[in-house]
Amino acid sequence: MELDFCSPQAWLILIFALIPIIGLILGFRNRTRYNPPKGLGKRFIQLMSVVLVLPIIAILSILGIIEAQLLGGLLGAIIGYTLSDLAKDEKDE
């Protein structure tokens, strides 16, 4: 599939490609700017995995590489992963 750089699809792909880069930079900046640094906890790793995976899935679905059935399954798995242990959250986190 060939993309025209003036098409809305190309702009969406560019935006979705920038989201993980910006998310990683801002996330790690947030964790390291405090003295002492906050560290990388379970919630931060979950957030970064979602920030990385969701835009990639969106790009693949825009390009037509991922079909609708697979897209629904992937999104359901990601939502289940991120929301699965909210009720089991410990007080010390």
C-alpha atoms as a PDB file:
ATOM      1  CA  MET A   1       0.000   0.000   0.000  1.00  0.00           C
ATOM      2  CA  GLU A   2       1.408   3.323  -1.070  1.00  0.00           C
ATOM      3  CA  LEU A   3       0.644   6.386   1.041  1.00  0.00           C
ATOM      4  CA  ASP A   4       0.351   9.908  -0.254  1.00  0.00           C
ATOM      5  CA  PHE A   5       1.978  12.312   2.199  1.00  0.00           C
ATOM      6  CA  CYS A   6      -0.932  14.727   1.870  1.00  0.00           C
ATOM      7  CA  SER A   7      -3.560  12.137   2.763  1.00  0.00           C
ATOM      8  CA  PRO A   8      -5.289  12.014   6.150  1.00  0.00           C
ATOM      9  CA  GLN A   9      -4.033   8.436   6.615  1.00  0.00           C
ATOM     10  CA  ALA A  10      -0.422   9.582   6.408  1.00  0.00           C
ATOM     11  CA  TRP A  11      -1.028  12.291   9.006  1.00  0.00           C
ATOM     12  CA  LEU A  12      -2.743   9.808  11.337  1.00  0.00           C
ATOM     13  CA  ILE A  13       0.154   7.398  10.994  1.00  0.00           C
ATOM     14  CA  LEU A  14       2.613  10.206  11.739  1.00  0.00           C
ATOM     15  CA  ILE A  15       0.664  11.231  14.846  1.00  0.00           C
ATOM     16  CA  PHE A  16       0.395   7.631  16.050  1.00  0.00           C
ATOM     17  CA  ALA A  17       4.129   7.167  15.433  1.00  0.00           C
ATOM     18  CA  LEU A  18       4.956  10.201  17.579  1.00  0.00           C
ATOM     19  CA  ILE A  19       2.803   9.117  20.546  1.00  0.00           C
ATOM     20  CA  PRO A  20       5.188   6.372  21.821  1.00  0.00           C
ATOM     21  CA  ILE A  21       8.227   8.603  21.433  1.00  0.00           C
ATOM     22  CA  ILE A  22       6.636  11.496  23.317  1.00  0.00           C
ATOM     23  CA  GLY A  23       5.130   9.135  25.901  1.00  0.00           C
ATOM     24  CA  LEU A  24       8.465   7.499  26.666  1.00  0.00           C
ATOM     25  CA  ILE A  25      10.277  10.833  26.937  1.00  0.00           C
ATOM     26  CA  LEU A  26       7.663  12.396  29.218  1.00  0.00           C
ATOM     27  CA  GLY A  27       7.237   9.234  31.279  1.00  0.00           C
ATOM     28  CA  PHE A  28      10.914   8.806  32.044  1.00  0.00           C
ATOM     29  CA  ARG A  29      11.303  12.556  32.581  1.00  0.00           C
ATOM     30  CA  ASN A  30       8.532  12.390  35.164  1.00  0.00           C
ATOM     31  CA  ARG A  31      10.225   9.492  36.953  1.00  0.00           C
ATOM     32  CA  THR A  32      13.725  11.001  37.057  1.00  0.00           C
ATOM     33  CA  ARG A  33      13.103  14.673  37.828  1.00  0.00           C
ATOM     34  CA  TYR A  34      12.435  14.092  41.515  1.00  0.00           C
ATOM     35  CA  ASN A  35      15.185  13.818  44.095  1.00  0.00           C
ATOM     36  CA  PRO A  36      15.417  10.872  44.795  1.00  0.00           C
ATOM     37  CA  PRO A  37      13.952   9.478  41.548  1.00  0.00           C
ATOM     38  CA  LYS A  38      10.601   7.697  41.816  1.00  0.00           C
ATOM     39  CA  GLY A  39      11.734   4.478  40.162  1.00  0.00           C
ATOM     40  CA  LEU A  40       9.907   2.188  37.782  1.00  0.00           C
ATOM     41  CA  GLY A  41       6.947   0.488  39.401  1.00  0.00           C
ATOM     42  CA  LYS A  42       4.356  -1.941  38.155  1.00  0.00           C
ATOM     43  CA  ARG A  43       1.884   0.773  37.133  1.00  0.00           C
ATOM     44  CA  PHE A  44       4.511   2.710  35.204  1.00  0.00           C
ATOM     45  CA  ILE A  45       5.512  -0.387  33.265  1.00  0.00           C
ATOM     46  CA  GLN A  46       1.839  -1.046  32.444  1.00  0.00           C
ATOM     47  CA  LEU A  47       1.423   2.550  31.271  1.00  0.00           C
ATOM     48  CA  MET A  48       4.509   2.427  29.085  1.00  0.00           C
ATOM     49  CA  SER A  49       3.476  -0.873  27.533  1.00  0.00           C
ATOM     50  CA  VAL A  50       0.084   0.558  26.606  1.00  0.00           C
ATOM     51  CA  VAL A  51       1.683   3.775  25.300  1.00  0.00           C
ATOM     52  CA  LEU A  52       3.949   1.682  23.080  1.00  0.00           C
ATOM     53  CA  VAL A  53       1.534  -1.020  21.910  1.00  0.00           C
ATOM     54  CA  LEU A  54      -1.699   0.896  21.197  1.00  0.00           C
ATOM     55  CA  PRO A  55      -0.246   3.298  18.579  1.00  0.00           C
ATOM     56  CA  ILE A  56       1.503   0.415  16.827  1.00  0.00           C
ATOM     57  CA  ILE A  57      -1.773  -1.498  16.641  1.00  0.00           C
ATOM     58  CA  ALA A  58      -3.508   1.642  15.352  1.00  0.00           C
ATOM     59  CA  ILE A  59      -0.894   2.099  12.611  1.00  0.00           C
ATOM     60  CA  LEU A  60      -1.159  -1.526  11.536  1.00  0.00           C
ATOM     61  CA  SER A  61      -4.955  -1.305  11.391  1.00  0.00           C
ATOM     62  CA  ILE A  62      -4.857   1.934   9.365  1.00  0.00           C
ATOM     63  CA  LEU A  63      -2.515   0.275   6.871  1.00  0.00           C
ATOM     64  CA  GLY A  64      -4.851  -2.708   6.618  1.00  0.00           C
ATOM     65  CA  ILE A  65      -2.368  -5.233   7.968  1.00  0.00           C
ATOM     66  CA  ILE A  66      -4.602  -6.092  10.938  1.00  0.00           C
ATOM     67  CA  GLU A  67      -8.179  -7.154  10.217  1.00  0.00           C
ATOM     68  CA  ALA A  68     -11.164  -6.088  12.317  1.00  0.00           C
ATOM     69  CA  GLN A  69     -11.469  -9.424  14.151  1.00  0.00           C
ATOM     70  CA  LEU A  70      -7.825  -9.399  15.206  1.00  0.00           C
ATOM     71  CA  LEU A  71      -8.038  -5.725  16.167  1.00  0.00           C
ATOM     72  CA  GLY A  72     -10.956  -6.435  18.500  1.00  0.00           C
ATOM     73  CA  GLY A  73      -9.112  -9.321  20.128  1.00  0.00           C
ATOM     74  CA  LEU A  74      -5.942  -7.297  20.630  1.00  0.00           C
ATOM     75  CA  LEU A  75      -7.785  -4.331  22.112  1.00  0.00           C
ATOM     76  CA  GLY A  76      -9.734  -6.625  24.425  1.00  0.00           C
ATOM     77  CA  ALA A  77      -6.538  -8.284  25.608  1.00  0.00           C
ATOM     78  CA  ILE A  78      -4.855  -4.941  26.253  1.00  0.00           C
ATOM     79  CA  ILE A  79      -7.849  -3.603  28.174  1.00  0.00           C
ATOM     80  CA  GLY A  80      -8.006  -6.811  30.193  1.00  0.00           C
ATOM     81  CA  TYR A  81      -4.296  -6.600  30.957  1.00  0.00           C
ATOM     82  CA  THR A  82      -4.398  -3.007  32.127  1.00  0.00           C
ATOM     83  CA  LEU A  83      -7.590  -3.272  34.165  1.00  0.00           C
ATOM     84  CA  SER A  84      -7.179  -6.815  35.512  1.00  0.00           C
ATOM     85  CA  ASP A  85      -5.373  -6.110  38.750  1.00  0.00           C
ATOM     86  CA  LEU A  86      -6.829  -2.740  39.735  1.00  0.00           C
ATOM     87  CA  ALA A  87      -8.900  -4.338  42.490  1.00  0.00           C
ATOM     88  CA  LYS A  88      -5.820  -6.163  43.831  1.00  0.00           C
ATOM     89  CA  ASP A  89      -3.848  -2.923  44.227  1.00  0.00           C
ATOM     90  CA  GLU A  90      -1.794  -2.850  47.386  1.00  0.00           C
ATOM     91  CA  LYS A  91      -1.755   0.119  49.745  1.00  0.00           C
ATOM     92  CA  ASP A  92       2.017   0.556  49.667  1.00  0.00           C
ATOM     93  CA  GLU A  93       2.215   1.366  45.931  1.00  0.00           C
END
